[in-house]
Amino acid sequence: MPGRALRGSRCSRCEVAVYPADPACPSCSGPSAPVSLSATGTVWTWTVQRYAPKSPPYAAPEDGFRPFVVGYVELPEGVRILAVLHGVRPEDVRIGMPVTITTGDGVPSARLADPAGVTT
C-alpha cells in the first residue's frame, strides 16, 4: 500500500479544507494554502465495485477482476475522500468504521484501523 500522506488545502478566509489541494477555496473563492490532512477517519458511506473500470487507465490483475469495496472516508477536518477499502469484505463494512488512509498513484487507499488508530 502506498505510504504518502494526504495533502490538501485550507482556505485562509473561511477555513474550509479540501482534497486534493486547490489554490482557491471552492466555498468562498478565497486563497487556500497547502496542508497535511489526517491519516485516519471513518467510513462515511460505501459501495461495492462489481464491474471492471475502463481500461486504460485501469489494469486488471493477472488473476482477473474481483469486486472491491470503495467508499468515502470522512476525516476530522470535515473532508470526505473517495478511497478503495482494502482488507475488508463487503458484508463486514459499516458506516462509522475507523480507517487509516494513504495516497499514491490513483485513488487513495484505506485499511481498517482499531479504535486506537492502528492499521490492521
N, C-alpha and C. Protein backbone atom coordinates (compact mmCIF):
# COMPACT_ATOMS: atom_id res chain seq x y z
N MET A 1 0.85 -1.17 0.00
CA MET A 1 0.00 0.00 0.00
C MET A 1 0.89 1.24 0.00
N PRO A 2 0.59 2.24 -0.82
CA PRO A 2 1.40 3.45 -0.83
C PRO A 2 1.38 4.11 0.54
N GLY A 3 2.45 4.86 0.83
CA GLY A 3 2.56 5.44 2.15
C GLY A 3 2.60 6.94 2.20
N ARG A 4 2.24 7.62 1.13
CA ARG A 4 2.30 9.08 1.15
C ARG A 4 1.12 9.67 1.92
N ALA A 5 1.39 10.76 2.63
CA ALA A 5 0.34 11.46 3.39
C ALA A 5 -0.59 12.19 2.44
N LEU A 6 -1.78 12.46 2.92
CA LEU A 6 -2.76 13.22 2.15
C LEU A 6 -2.40 14.70 2.23
N ARG A 7 -2.33 15.33 1.08
CA ARG A 7 -2.05 16.77 1.00
C ARG A 7 -3.28 17.46 0.46
N GLY A 8 -3.82 18.35 1.25
CA GLY A 8 -4.99 19.11 0.85
C GLY A 8 -4.68 20.58 0.96
N SER A 9 -5.72 21.39 1.07
CA SER A 9 -5.53 22.82 1.29
C SER A 9 -6.63 23.33 2.21
N ARG A 10 -6.34 24.47 2.86
CA ARG A 10 -7.30 25.10 3.76
C ARG A 10 -7.40 26.57 3.40
N CYS A 11 -8.62 27.05 3.33
CA CYS A 11 -8.88 28.45 3.00
C CYS A 11 -8.45 29.35 4.15
N SER A 12 -7.73 30.41 3.82
CA SER A 12 -7.29 31.34 4.86
C SER A 12 -8.42 32.28 5.29
N ARG A 13 -9.49 32.31 4.53
CA ARG A 13 -10.63 33.19 4.85
C ARG A 13 -11.71 32.46 5.64
N CYS A 14 -12.20 31.34 5.11
CA CYS A 14 -13.35 30.66 5.77
C CYS A 14 -12.97 29.34 6.43
N GLU A 15 -11.69 28.92 6.34
CA GLU A 15 -11.18 27.71 7.00
C GLU A 15 -11.65 26.39 6.39
N VAL A 16 -12.31 26.39 5.24
CA VAL A 16 -12.75 25.15 4.60
C VAL A 16 -11.51 24.38 4.12
N ALA A 17 -11.47 23.08 4.42
CA ALA A 17 -10.39 22.22 3.96
C ALA A 17 -10.90 21.38 2.80
N VAL A 18 -10.01 21.11 1.82
CA VAL A 18 -10.38 20.31 0.66
C VAL A 18 -9.28 19.33 0.30
N TYR A 19 -9.66 18.28 -0.42
CA TYR A 19 -8.72 17.32 -1.01
C TYR A 19 -9.26 16.99 -2.39
N PRO A 20 -8.40 16.98 -3.41
CA PRO A 20 -6.99 17.38 -3.38
C PRO A 20 -6.85 18.89 -3.20
N ALA A 21 -5.60 19.30 -2.98
CA ALA A 21 -5.31 20.71 -2.75
C ALA A 21 -5.78 21.56 -3.92
N ASP A 22 -6.25 22.75 -3.60
CA ASP A 22 -6.73 23.70 -4.60
C ASP A 22 -6.27 25.09 -4.16
N PRO A 23 -5.73 25.91 -5.06
CA PRO A 23 -5.25 27.23 -4.66
C PRO A 23 -6.37 28.20 -4.29
N ALA A 24 -7.60 27.91 -4.70
CA ALA A 24 -8.74 28.76 -4.37
C ALA A 24 -9.80 27.94 -3.65
N CYS A 25 -10.45 28.54 -2.67
CA CYS A 25 -11.49 27.87 -1.90
C CYS A 25 -12.73 27.65 -2.76
N PRO A 26 -13.27 26.43 -2.76
CA PRO A 26 -14.49 26.16 -3.53
C PRO A 26 -15.73 26.78 -2.88
N SER A 27 -15.62 27.18 -1.62
CA SER A 27 -16.76 27.74 -0.91
C SER A 27 -16.87 29.25 -1.06
N CYS A 28 -15.73 29.97 -0.85
CA CYS A 28 -15.79 31.43 -0.86
C CYS A 28 -14.85 32.06 -1.88
N SER A 29 -14.10 31.25 -2.61
CA SER A 29 -13.12 31.69 -3.62
C SER A 29 -11.91 32.40 -3.02
N GLY A 30 -11.76 32.32 -1.70
CA GLY A 30 -10.59 32.91 -1.04
C GLY A 30 -9.34 32.09 -1.32
N PRO A 31 -8.18 32.63 -0.96
CA PRO A 31 -6.92 31.92 -1.18
C PRO A 31 -6.77 30.74 -0.21
N SER A 32 -6.23 29.64 -0.70
CA SER A 32 -6.01 28.46 0.12
C SER A 32 -4.53 28.13 0.18
N ALA A 33 -4.10 27.58 1.30
CA ALA A 33 -2.71 27.18 1.50
C ALA A 33 -2.64 25.67 1.66
N PRO A 34 -1.55 25.04 1.20
CA PRO A 34 -1.39 23.59 1.36
C PRO A 34 -1.35 23.19 2.83
N VAL A 35 -1.95 22.04 3.14
CA VAL A 35 -1.93 21.47 4.49
C VAL A 35 -1.83 19.96 4.40
N SER A 36 -1.28 19.34 5.44
CA SER A 36 -1.32 17.89 5.58
C SER A 36 -2.63 17.54 6.26
N LEU A 37 -3.32 16.55 5.74
CA LEU A 37 -4.59 16.12 6.32
C LEU A 37 -4.38 14.90 7.19
N SER A 38 -5.31 14.63 8.07
CA SER A 38 -5.25 13.48 8.96
C SER A 38 -5.16 12.18 8.17
N ALA A 39 -4.48 11.21 8.75
CA ALA A 39 -4.32 9.91 8.11
C ALA A 39 -5.38 8.92 8.58
N THR A 40 -6.24 9.34 9.50
CA THR A 40 -7.31 8.47 9.99
C THR A 40 -8.65 9.16 9.82
N GLY A 41 -9.67 8.34 9.66
CA GLY A 41 -11.02 8.86 9.51
C GLY A 41 -12.01 7.73 9.71
N THR A 42 -13.25 7.97 9.31
CA THR A 42 -14.29 6.95 9.43
C THR A 42 -15.01 6.79 8.10
N VAL A 43 -15.52 5.60 7.87
CA VAL A 43 -16.27 5.34 6.65
C VAL A 43 -17.57 6.14 6.74
N TRP A 44 -17.79 7.00 5.76
CA TRP A 44 -18.99 7.85 5.71
C TRP A 44 -20.10 7.16 4.92
N THR A 45 -19.73 6.54 3.81
CA THR A 45 -20.63 5.70 3.02
C THR A 45 -19.77 4.80 2.13
N TRP A 46 -20.37 3.78 1.55
CA TRP A 46 -19.58 2.84 0.74
C TRP A 46 -20.47 2.10 -0.25
N THR A 47 -19.82 1.44 -1.20
CA THR A 47 -20.49 0.58 -2.16
C THR A 47 -19.50 -0.48 -2.62
N VAL A 48 -19.96 -1.41 -3.42
CA VAL A 48 -19.09 -2.45 -3.98
C VAL A 48 -18.98 -2.22 -5.47
N GLN A 49 -17.75 -2.13 -5.96
CA GLN A 49 -17.47 -2.01 -7.40
C GLN A 49 -17.52 -3.43 -7.96
N ARG A 50 -18.58 -3.75 -8.69
CA ARG A 50 -18.78 -5.12 -9.16
C ARG A 50 -18.42 -5.33 -10.62
N TYR A 51 -17.94 -4.30 -11.29
CA TYR A 51 -17.51 -4.44 -12.68
C TYR A 51 -16.17 -3.74 -12.85
N ALA A 52 -15.40 -4.20 -13.80
CA ALA A 52 -14.07 -3.63 -14.01
C ALA A 52 -14.17 -2.20 -14.55
N PRO A 53 -13.40 -1.27 -13.99
CA PRO A 53 -13.37 0.08 -14.53
C PRO A 53 -12.81 0.09 -15.95
N LYS A 54 -13.00 1.20 -16.67
CA LYS A 54 -12.48 1.32 -18.03
C LYS A 54 -10.97 1.15 -18.07
N SER A 55 -10.51 0.56 -19.13
CA SER A 55 -9.08 0.38 -19.32
C SER A 55 -8.68 0.99 -20.65
N PRO A 56 -7.63 1.81 -20.73
CA PRO A 56 -6.88 2.35 -19.60
C PRO A 56 -7.68 3.42 -18.88
N PRO A 57 -7.36 3.84 -17.72
CA PRO A 57 -6.10 3.60 -17.01
C PRO A 57 -6.10 2.34 -16.17
N TYR A 58 -7.28 1.71 -15.94
CA TYR A 58 -7.33 0.52 -15.09
C TYR A 58 -6.63 -0.65 -15.76
N ALA A 59 -5.82 -1.34 -14.99
CA ALA A 59 -5.14 -2.55 -15.46
C ALA A 59 -5.58 -3.68 -14.53
N ALA A 60 -6.29 -4.64 -15.08
CA ALA A 60 -6.78 -5.77 -14.29
C ALA A 60 -5.62 -6.61 -13.78
N PRO A 61 -5.73 -7.16 -12.57
CA PRO A 61 -4.69 -8.06 -12.06
C PRO A 61 -4.58 -9.29 -12.95
N GLU A 62 -3.45 -9.97 -12.88
CA GLU A 62 -3.23 -11.16 -13.71
C GLU A 62 -4.28 -12.23 -13.49
N ASP A 63 -4.79 -12.34 -12.25
CA ASP A 63 -5.80 -13.37 -11.97
C ASP A 63 -7.22 -12.88 -12.25
N GLY A 64 -7.37 -11.72 -12.88
CA GLY A 64 -8.67 -11.22 -13.29
C GLY A 64 -9.30 -10.26 -12.29
N PHE A 65 -10.34 -9.61 -12.73
CA PHE A 65 -11.04 -8.62 -11.90
C PHE A 65 -11.80 -9.30 -10.77
N ARG A 66 -11.76 -8.69 -9.60
CA ARG A 66 -12.56 -9.13 -8.47
C ARG A 66 -13.25 -7.90 -7.89
N PRO A 67 -14.52 -8.02 -7.51
CA PRO A 67 -15.21 -6.88 -6.90
C PRO A 67 -14.44 -6.35 -5.69
N PHE A 68 -14.56 -5.05 -5.45
CA PHE A 68 -13.87 -4.43 -4.32
C PHE A 68 -14.74 -3.35 -3.71
N VAL A 69 -14.43 -3.01 -2.46
CA VAL A 69 -15.19 -2.01 -1.71
C VAL A 69 -14.56 -0.64 -1.94
N VAL A 70 -15.40 0.33 -2.23
CA VAL A 70 -14.96 1.72 -2.38
C VAL A 70 -15.93 2.57 -1.56
N GLY A 71 -15.40 3.62 -0.96
CA GLY A 71 -16.28 4.46 -0.15
C GLY A 71 -15.70 5.83 0.09
N TYR A 72 -16.46 6.63 0.79
CA TYR A 72 -15.99 7.95 1.21
C TYR A 72 -15.58 7.85 2.67
N VAL A 73 -14.38 8.37 2.94
CA VAL A 73 -13.85 8.41 4.29
C VAL A 73 -13.91 9.85 4.76
N GLU A 74 -14.52 10.07 5.93
CA GLU A 74 -14.60 11.41 6.48
C GLU A 74 -13.45 11.62 7.45
N LEU A 75 -12.66 12.66 7.20
CA LEU A 75 -11.53 13.00 8.05
C LEU A 75 -11.97 13.98 9.13
N PRO A 76 -11.20 14.11 10.22
CA PRO A 76 -11.55 15.06 11.28
C PRO A 76 -11.69 16.50 10.78
N GLU A 77 -11.01 16.83 9.69
CA GLU A 77 -11.09 18.18 9.13
C GLU A 77 -12.41 18.45 8.41
N GLY A 78 -13.27 17.42 8.31
CA GLY A 78 -14.55 17.57 7.63
C GLY A 78 -14.49 17.23 6.16
N VAL A 79 -13.34 16.84 5.66
CA VAL A 79 -13.15 16.48 4.25
C VAL A 79 -13.58 15.04 4.06
N ARG A 80 -14.29 14.76 2.98
CA ARG A 80 -14.66 13.39 2.62
C ARG A 80 -13.88 13.00 1.39
N ILE A 81 -13.16 11.87 1.48
CA ILE A 81 -12.26 11.44 0.43
C ILE A 81 -12.67 10.07 -0.09
N LEU A 82 -12.77 9.96 -1.41
CA LEU A 82 -13.04 8.67 -2.04
C LEU A 82 -11.82 7.78 -1.88
N ALA A 83 -12.02 6.53 -1.45
CA ALA A 83 -10.91 5.61 -1.26
C ALA A 83 -11.36 4.17 -1.51
N VAL A 84 -10.41 3.35 -1.94
CA VAL A 84 -10.62 1.91 -2.04
C VAL A 84 -10.36 1.34 -0.66
N LEU A 85 -11.30 0.55 -0.13
CA LEU A 85 -11.15 -0.05 1.19
C LEU A 85 -10.56 -1.45 1.03
N HIS A 86 -9.33 -1.61 1.48
CA HIS A 86 -8.62 -2.88 1.36
C HIS A 86 -8.77 -3.70 2.64
N GLY A 87 -8.76 -5.01 2.49
CA GLY A 87 -8.76 -5.90 3.64
C GLY A 87 -10.08 -5.99 4.37
N VAL A 88 -11.17 -5.66 3.69
CA VAL A 88 -12.48 -5.76 4.32
C VAL A 88 -13.47 -6.35 3.32
N ARG A 89 -14.25 -7.31 3.77
CA ARG A 89 -15.26 -7.91 2.92
C ARG A 89 -16.48 -7.00 2.87
N PRO A 90 -17.19 -6.97 1.74
CA PRO A 90 -18.38 -6.12 1.64
C PRO A 90 -19.38 -6.33 2.77
N GLU A 91 -19.56 -7.57 3.19
CA GLU A 91 -20.54 -7.84 4.24
C GLU A 91 -20.09 -7.36 5.62
N ASP A 92 -18.81 -6.98 5.75
CA ASP A 92 -18.29 -6.52 7.04
C ASP A 92 -18.16 -5.00 7.15
N VAL A 93 -18.34 -4.27 6.06
CA VAL A 93 -18.19 -2.81 6.09
C VAL A 93 -19.37 -2.20 6.83
N ARG A 94 -19.08 -1.20 7.65
CA ARG A 94 -20.11 -0.47 8.38
C ARG A 94 -19.79 1.02 8.35
N ILE A 95 -20.82 1.83 8.22
CA ILE A 95 -20.64 3.27 8.31
C ILE A 95 -20.11 3.57 9.71
N GLY A 96 -19.12 4.45 9.77
CA GLY A 96 -18.51 4.81 11.05
C GLY A 96 -17.28 4.00 11.41
N MET A 97 -16.94 2.97 10.61
CA MET A 97 -15.75 2.17 10.90
C MET A 97 -14.51 3.06 10.82
N PRO A 98 -13.58 2.91 11.78
CA PRO A 98 -12.33 3.68 11.72
C PRO A 98 -11.39 3.09 10.68
N VAL A 99 -10.76 3.95 9.88
CA VAL A 99 -9.82 3.52 8.86
C VAL A 99 -8.59 4.43 8.86
N THR A 100 -7.52 3.90 8.31
CA THR A 100 -6.31 4.66 8.05
C THR A 100 -6.23 4.83 6.55
N ILE A 101 -5.93 6.04 6.09
CA ILE A 101 -5.95 6.34 4.66
C ILE A 101 -4.60 6.86 4.20
N THR A 102 -4.18 6.41 3.02
CA THR A 102 -2.95 6.88 2.39
C THR A 102 -3.22 7.11 0.91
N THR A 103 -2.29 7.80 0.28
CA THR A 103 -2.44 8.08 -1.14
C THR A 103 -1.19 7.67 -1.88
N GLY A 104 -1.35 7.47 -3.15
CA GLY A 104 -0.26 7.12 -4.05
C GLY A 104 -0.73 7.50 -5.43
N ASP A 105 -0.43 6.68 -6.41
CA ASP A 105 -0.95 6.93 -7.75
C ASP A 105 -2.40 6.48 -7.79
N GLY A 106 -3.26 7.32 -8.30
CA GLY A 106 -4.67 6.96 -8.41
C GLY A 106 -5.47 7.28 -7.17
N VAL A 107 -6.52 6.49 -6.94
CA VAL A 107 -7.45 6.70 -5.84
C VAL A 107 -6.77 6.36 -4.51
N PRO A 108 -6.97 7.17 -3.47
CA PRO A 108 -6.40 6.84 -2.15
C PRO A 108 -6.86 5.47 -1.67
N SER A 109 -6.11 4.90 -0.74
CA SER A 109 -6.40 3.58 -0.18
C SER A 109 -6.70 3.72 1.31
N ALA A 110 -7.59 2.86 1.80
CA ALA A 110 -7.92 2.84 3.22
C ALA A 110 -7.87 1.41 3.72
N ARG A 111 -7.45 1.28 4.97
CA ARG A 111 -7.44 -0.02 5.65
C ARG A 111 -8.12 0.15 6.99
N LEU A 112 -8.73 -0.91 7.47
CA LEU A 112 -9.37 -0.86 8.78
C LEU A 112 -8.35 -0.52 9.85
N ALA A 113 -8.78 0.24 10.83
CA ALA A 113 -7.93 0.59 11.97
C ALA A 113 -8.67 0.17 13.23
N ASP A 114 -7.91 -0.20 14.26
CA ASP A 114 -8.59 -0.49 15.53
C ASP A 114 -8.95 0.86 16.18
N PRO A 115 -9.72 0.85 17.25
CA PRO A 115 -10.15 2.11 17.85
C PRO A 115 -8.99 3.04 18.25
N ALA A 116 -7.80 2.49 18.47
CA ALA A 116 -6.64 3.31 18.82
C ALA A 116 -6.00 3.90 17.57
N GLY A 117 -6.51 3.55 16.37
CA GLY A 117 -5.99 4.10 15.14
C GLY A 117 -4.89 3.28 14.51
N VAL A 118 -4.63 2.06 15.01
CA VAL A 118 -3.58 1.21 14.46
C VAL A 118 -4.15 0.41 13.30
N THR A 119 -3.45 0.43 12.16
CA THR A 119 -3.91 -0.29 10.97
C THR A 119 -3.87 -1.78 11.22
N THR A 120 -4.92 -2.48 10.76
CA THR A 120 -4.97 -3.94 10.89
C THR A 120 -4.78 -4.57 9.55
